[in-house]
Amino acid sequence: MDLGIALAGGGTRGAAHVGVLLALHEAGLYPSAVAGASAGSIVGGLYAAGISPERLKHILLSLSRSGRELIDPDIMGLLRALPQLLTGRPVTMQGLVKGDRLERFLCSLTGGKAMHDLTMRTVIPAVNIRTGETIAYTNTLSGVRPVRRVRWSTEFPLCRAIRASAAFPAVFRPVTQDGCCLVDGGLTDNLPVNLLLAAGVPQVLAVDVSEDYEPPENEGVIEVISHSLTILTTRMKESMARGETLLLHPRLPEKAGLLTFREMAGCMEAGYEQTKEQIPLIRALFGA
């Protein structure tokens, strides 16, 4: 079966992707290719590294209890930012969260694999804000066709590619390497169906975990940033012709958001239930 799966970004709402993979494996359906942006890059990248959906489930349940331990605020950056701002100097702080703990966690799970070590077709986008282009990290350039403002690369550690794709602007510090300053891949390809098609995968099952827009609960910096980017990615998604064979859009818990770790189990269950309902259609569409 030739089944590619594209996993969208959405913070901890991306836990739904684990439920999708669990339901597919339970039905004997095994994706042969995966693309993921932001939260989708975490699930997709770990899956491509050989971590089973069952193990992903256990990792997720652990994070639902202790995920906030991966948040390492940039205290020194905050302390420097205030006088810089008050005196009119450039603010040098790159993000509220350093992201070092997250990267170490991802590297421990992936065992130091590089993109070119993966055997499954994998695509993980990040955005280089120094050039405005998308860097699509993949395991092989074979069969890849050119895409405007996209540069393909196989030379990057898998955990760094995931960390870069999940670098939500202003919240997480960007990844700086090889002359690039890399931020969240969801800025340009939040549901990277187009990149998976460009990589030569003919049929794609897309999983969208975006939320119906609701006003922010407060107007603090995290809420403002999060809702601003939600508007941006929603408008982009509406204007793009993606070309997926089937789109899944699980109904996730109302309180699930960017960093709501406590809602991850509920998101996973929602992804599992909707995929399970759609298994007959997936079999029919993907020739299983």
Protein backbone atom coordinates (compact mmCIF):
# COMPACT_ATOMS: atom_id res chain seq x y z
CA MET A 1 0.00 0.00 0.00
CA ASP A 2 1.31 3.43 -0.96
CA LEU A 3 0.07 5.59 1.93
CA GLY A 4 1.70 8.90 2.74
CA ILE A 5 0.56 10.80 5.82
CA ALA A 6 0.85 14.55 6.41
CA LEU A 7 0.63 15.77 10.01
CA ALA A 8 -0.24 19.38 10.81
CA GLY A 9 1.14 21.64 13.49
CA GLY A 10 -0.97 22.72 16.44
CA GLY A 11 0.97 22.61 19.70
CA THR A 12 -0.06 19.87 22.09
CA ARG A 13 -3.13 19.30 19.90
CA GLY A 14 -0.70 17.35 17.73
CA ALA A 15 -1.12 14.48 20.20
CA ALA A 16 -4.04 13.51 17.95
CA HIS A 17 -1.49 12.28 15.40
CA VAL A 18 -0.44 9.50 17.76
CA GLY A 19 -4.06 8.33 17.92
CA VAL A 20 -4.23 8.35 14.12
CA LEU A 21 -1.14 6.16 13.83
CA LEU A 22 -2.44 3.82 16.53
CA ALA A 23 -5.71 3.29 14.65
CA LEU A 24 -3.92 2.76 11.32
CA HIS A 25 -1.56 0.15 12.76
CA GLU A 26 -4.40 -1.57 14.58
CA ALA A 27 -6.11 -1.97 11.19
CA GLY A 28 -2.92 -3.26 9.57
CA LEU A 29 -2.33 -0.04 7.61
CA TYR A 30 1.28 1.16 7.70
CA PRO A 31 2.25 4.54 6.20
CA SER A 32 5.19 4.36 3.82
CA ALA A 33 5.93 8.11 3.96
CA VAL A 34 5.40 10.92 6.45
CA ALA A 35 5.60 14.71 6.47
CA GLY A 36 5.04 16.82 9.54
CA ALA A 37 5.30 20.47 10.53
CA SER A 38 5.75 21.82 14.03
CA ALA A 39 3.93 19.41 16.39
CA GLY A 40 3.42 17.14 13.40
CA SER A 41 7.18 17.02 12.90
CA ILE A 42 7.63 15.63 16.42
CA VAL A 43 5.22 12.74 15.93
CA GLY A 44 6.18 12.19 12.28
CA GLY A 45 9.92 12.42 12.92
CA LEU A 46 9.84 9.99 15.84
CA TYR A 47 7.68 7.59 13.83
CA ALA A 48 10.13 7.75 10.91
CA ALA A 49 12.96 7.04 13.35
CA GLY A 50 11.34 3.69 14.12
CA ILE A 51 9.35 4.48 17.27
CA SER A 52 6.11 2.50 17.18
CA PRO A 53 2.71 4.13 17.75
CA GLU A 54 2.38 2.11 20.96
CA ARG A 55 5.62 3.54 22.31
CA LEU A 56 4.60 7.01 21.12
CA LYS A 57 1.43 6.58 23.17
CA HIS A 58 3.45 5.86 26.33
CA ILE A 59 5.74 8.83 25.66
CA LEU A 60 2.69 11.05 25.17
CA LEU A 61 1.00 9.90 28.39
CA SER A 62 4.20 10.62 30.28
CA LEU A 63 4.42 14.10 28.73
CA SER A 64 0.80 14.81 29.64
CA ARG A 65 1.93 14.61 33.27
CA SER A 66 5.43 16.04 33.09
CA GLY A 67 5.72 17.87 29.75
CA ARG A 68 6.19 21.25 31.39
CA GLU A 69 9.58 20.03 32.59
CA LEU A 70 10.73 20.41 28.97
CA ILE A 71 9.98 24.14 29.07
CA ASP A 72 13.18 26.05 29.86
CA PRO A 73 12.39 29.78 30.01
CA ASP A 74 15.12 32.19 28.92
CA ILE A 75 15.36 34.03 32.24
CA MET A 76 18.58 35.86 31.38
CA GLY A 77 17.17 36.90 28.03
CA LEU A 78 14.12 38.34 29.75
CA LEU A 79 16.28 40.23 32.24
CA ARG A 80 18.34 41.73 29.40
CA ALA A 81 15.30 42.53 27.26
CA LEU A 82 13.66 45.04 29.60
CA PRO A 83 16.57 47.53 29.85
CA GLN A 84 17.25 47.07 26.13
CA LEU A 85 13.64 47.95 25.38
CA LEU A 86 13.57 50.91 27.78
CA THR A 87 16.80 52.41 26.42
CA GLY A 88 15.90 51.96 22.76
CA ARG A 89 18.57 49.35 22.07
CA PRO A 90 17.84 46.27 19.92
CA VAL A 91 16.22 43.50 21.95
CA THR A 92 18.44 40.42 21.63
CA MET A 93 16.13 37.84 23.22
CA GLN A 94 15.05 35.38 20.51
CA GLY A 95 12.30 33.53 22.34
CA LEU A 96 10.65 33.13 25.72
CA VAL A 97 11.73 29.47 25.82
CA LYS A 98 15.26 28.30 24.99
CA GLY A 99 14.21 24.88 23.66
CA ASP A 100 17.42 23.13 24.80
CA ARG A 101 15.58 20.63 27.00
CA LEU A 102 13.20 19.77 24.19
CA GLU A 103 16.09 19.20 21.79
CA ARG A 104 17.95 16.95 24.23
CA PHE A 105 14.76 14.96 24.75
CA LEU A 106 14.27 14.54 21.00
CA CYS A 107 17.92 13.58 20.44
CA SER A 108 17.70 10.91 23.14
CA LEU A 109 14.64 9.40 21.43
CA THR A 110 16.05 9.49 17.90
CA GLY A 111 19.42 8.04 18.89
CA GLY A 112 21.43 10.64 17.00
CA LYS A 113 20.01 9.72 13.60
CA ALA A 114 20.51 12.16 10.71
CA MET A 115 17.85 12.78 8.08
CA HIS A 116 19.73 10.65 5.53
CA ASP A 117 19.74 7.69 7.96
CA LEU A 118 15.96 7.29 7.74
CA THR A 119 14.55 4.54 5.53
CA MET A 120 11.00 5.90 5.36
CA ARG A 121 10.35 8.86 3.03
CA THR A 122 10.29 11.76 5.49
CA VAL A 123 9.77 15.51 5.04
CA ILE A 124 10.16 18.04 7.86
CA PRO A 125 9.88 21.75 6.93
CA ALA A 126 11.37 24.70 8.77
CA VAL A 127 11.51 28.35 7.68
CA ASN A 128 14.76 30.27 7.31
CA ILE A 129 13.86 33.82 8.32
CA ARG A 130 17.13 35.14 6.85
CA THR A 131 15.99 34.27 3.33
CA GLY A 132 12.24 33.68 3.66
CA GLU A 133 12.54 30.22 2.13
CA THR A 134 11.32 26.90 3.44
CA ILE A 135 14.01 24.31 4.14
CA ALA A 136 12.44 20.89 3.55
CA TYR A 137 14.55 18.35 5.41
CA THR A 138 14.19 14.92 3.87
CA ASN A 139 15.98 11.58 3.87
CA THR A 140 16.66 11.40 0.12
CA LEU A 141 16.55 13.73 -2.85
CA SER A 142 15.55 10.90 -5.20
CA GLY A 143 12.23 11.69 -6.90
CA VAL A 144 12.01 15.19 -5.44
CA ARG A 145 10.72 17.92 -7.77
CA PRO A 146 11.53 21.62 -7.36
CA VAL A 147 9.07 23.82 -5.46
CA ARG A 148 9.18 27.61 -5.49
CA ARG A 149 10.85 29.07 -2.40
CA VAL A 150 11.64 25.60 -1.05
CA ARG A 151 15.16 24.24 -0.62
CA TRP A 152 15.55 20.51 -0.03
CA SER A 153 18.25 19.18 2.29
CA THR A 154 19.30 15.77 3.62
CA GLU A 155 22.23 17.00 5.73
CA PHE A 156 20.81 17.70 9.17
CA PRO A 157 20.38 15.78 12.45
CA LEU A 158 16.80 14.53 12.75
CA CYS A 159 16.33 15.92 16.26
CA ARG A 160 17.56 19.37 15.12
CA ALA A 161 15.19 19.33 12.14
CA ILE A 162 12.27 18.53 14.45
CA ARG A 163 13.36 21.15 16.97
CA ALA A 164 13.60 23.77 14.19
CA SER A 165 10.21 22.87 12.73
CA ALA A 166 8.65 23.20 16.20
CA ALA A 167 10.27 26.59 16.99
CA PHE A 168 7.04 28.57 17.39
CA PRO A 169 8.09 32.21 16.73
CA ALA A 170 8.71 34.37 19.79
CA VAL A 171 7.84 31.45 22.09
CA PHE A 172 10.75 29.11 21.25
CA ARG A 173 14.23 30.32 20.36
CA PRO A 174 15.06 29.72 16.65
CA VAL A 175 17.62 27.12 15.60
CA THR A 176 20.71 28.80 14.15
CA GLN A 177 22.95 26.60 12.03
CA ASP A 178 24.74 26.59 8.66
CA GLY A 179 23.94 30.27 8.09
CA CYS A 180 20.20 29.74 8.70
CA CYS A 181 17.91 31.05 11.43
CA LEU A 182 15.15 28.45 11.48
CA VAL A 183 11.66 28.79 12.88
CA ASP A 184 8.36 26.88 12.82
CA GLY A 185 7.69 25.05 9.55
CA GLY A 186 4.00 25.71 10.06
CA LEU A 187 4.49 29.32 8.97
CA THR A 188 4.57 28.23 5.33
CA ASP A 189 3.45 24.59 5.35
CA ASN A 190 1.38 23.87 8.44
CA LEU A 191 -0.20 20.86 6.71
CA PRO A 192 2.66 19.81 4.38
CA VAL A 193 0.70 17.79 1.83
CA ASN A 194 2.28 19.75 -1.02
CA LEU A 195 5.77 18.85 0.13
CA LEU A 196 4.97 15.17 0.39
CA LEU A 197 3.50 15.22 -3.13
CA ALA A 198 6.61 17.05 -4.37
CA ALA A 199 8.72 14.31 -2.79
CA GLY A 200 7.06 11.80 -5.10
CA VAL A 201 4.36 10.39 -2.80
CA PRO A 202 1.21 10.06 -4.96
CA GLN A 203 -1.48 9.61 -2.28
CA VAL A 204 -1.63 11.48 1.00
CA LEU A 205 -3.79 11.11 4.08
CA ALA A 206 -3.78 14.55 5.77
CA VAL A 207 -4.49 15.13 9.45
CA ASP A 208 -5.48 18.67 10.40
CA VAL A 209 -5.50 19.59 14.10
CA SER A 210 -6.23 23.29 13.70
CA GLU A 211 -8.97 24.70 15.86
CA ASP A 212 -12.05 26.71 14.96
CA TYR A 213 -11.12 30.28 15.70
CA GLU A 214 -12.20 31.59 19.07
CA PRO A 215 -11.22 34.87 20.76
CA PRO A 216 -8.28 34.58 23.18
CA GLU A 217 -9.09 34.03 26.84
CA ASN A 218 -6.79 36.93 27.67
CA GLU A 219 -4.54 39.28 25.73
CA GLY A 220 -1.22 38.19 27.20
CA VAL A 221 1.80 37.76 24.96
CA ILE A 222 1.40 33.98 24.45
CA GLU A 223 -2.29 34.31 23.56
CA VAL A 224 -1.64 37.20 21.16
CA ILE A 225 1.18 35.34 19.38
CA SER A 226 -0.73 32.07 19.25
CA HIS A 227 -3.95 33.57 17.90
CA SER A 228 -2.12 35.78 15.41
CA LEU A 229 -0.38 32.76 13.89
CA THR A 230 -3.63 30.77 13.97
CA ILE A 231 -5.23 33.45 11.80
CA LEU A 232 -2.21 33.48 9.47
CA THR A 233 -2.03 29.71 8.96
CA THR A 234 -5.81 29.39 8.62
CA ARG A 235 -5.92 32.01 5.85
CA MET A 236 -2.96 30.36 4.11
CA LYS A 237 -4.60 26.95 4.32
CA GLU A 238 -7.83 28.30 2.83
CA SER A 239 -5.96 29.76 -0.16
CA MET A 240 -3.83 26.71 -0.93
CA ALA A 241 -4.82 23.75 -3.10
CA ARG A 242 -3.14 20.94 -1.21
CA GLY A 243 -4.23 17.83 -3.10
CA GLU A 244 -4.61 15.27 -0.33
CA THR A 245 -6.57 12.08 -1.05
CA LEU A 246 -8.41 12.30 2.29
CA LEU A 247 -8.47 14.88 5.09
CA LEU A 248 -9.08 13.93 8.72
CA HIS A 249 -10.01 16.70 11.15
CA PRO A 250 -10.55 15.18 14.61
CA ARG A 251 -12.85 16.98 17.04
CA LEU A 252 -10.39 17.80 19.81
CA PRO A 253 -11.05 18.91 23.41
CA GLU A 254 -12.18 22.53 23.55
CA LYS A 255 -9.42 23.53 25.96
CA ALA A 256 -6.60 21.98 23.92
CA GLY A 257 -4.10 24.62 22.81
CA LEU A 258 -0.43 25.40 22.27
CA LEU A 259 1.01 24.11 25.56
CA THR A 260 -1.94 22.39 27.28
CA PHE A 261 -0.15 19.18 28.16
CA ARG A 262 -3.03 17.97 30.33
CA GLU A 263 -5.26 17.73 27.23
CA MET A 264 -2.90 15.51 25.25
CA ALA A 265 -4.52 12.20 26.16
CA GLY A 266 -7.92 13.52 25.07
CA CYS A 267 -6.44 14.73 21.76
CA MET A 268 -4.87 11.32 21.15
CA GLU A 269 -8.19 9.60 21.80
CA ALA A 270 -9.99 11.96 19.40
CA GLY A 271 -7.48 11.18 16.65
CA TYR A 272 -7.84 7.47 17.28
CA GLU A 273 -11.65 7.49 17.24
CA GLN A 274 -12.02 9.46 14.02
CA THR A 275 -9.43 7.40 12.19
CA LYS A 276 -11.06 4.18 13.35
CA GLU A 277 -14.39 5.40 11.93
CA GLN A 278 -12.72 6.19 8.59
CA ILE A 279 -10.78 2.92 8.17
CA PRO A 280 -13.16 1.48 5.51
CA LEU A 281 -12.86 4.68 3.46
CA ILE A 282 -9.07 4.76 3.89
CA ARG A 283 -8.87 1.16 2.66
CA ALA A 284 -10.99 2.01 -0.37
CA LEU A 285 -9.14 5.21 -1.29
CA PHE A 286 -5.63 3.95 -0.76
CA GLY A 287 -6.11 0.53 -2.31
CA ALA A 288 -5.48 -1.45 0.84
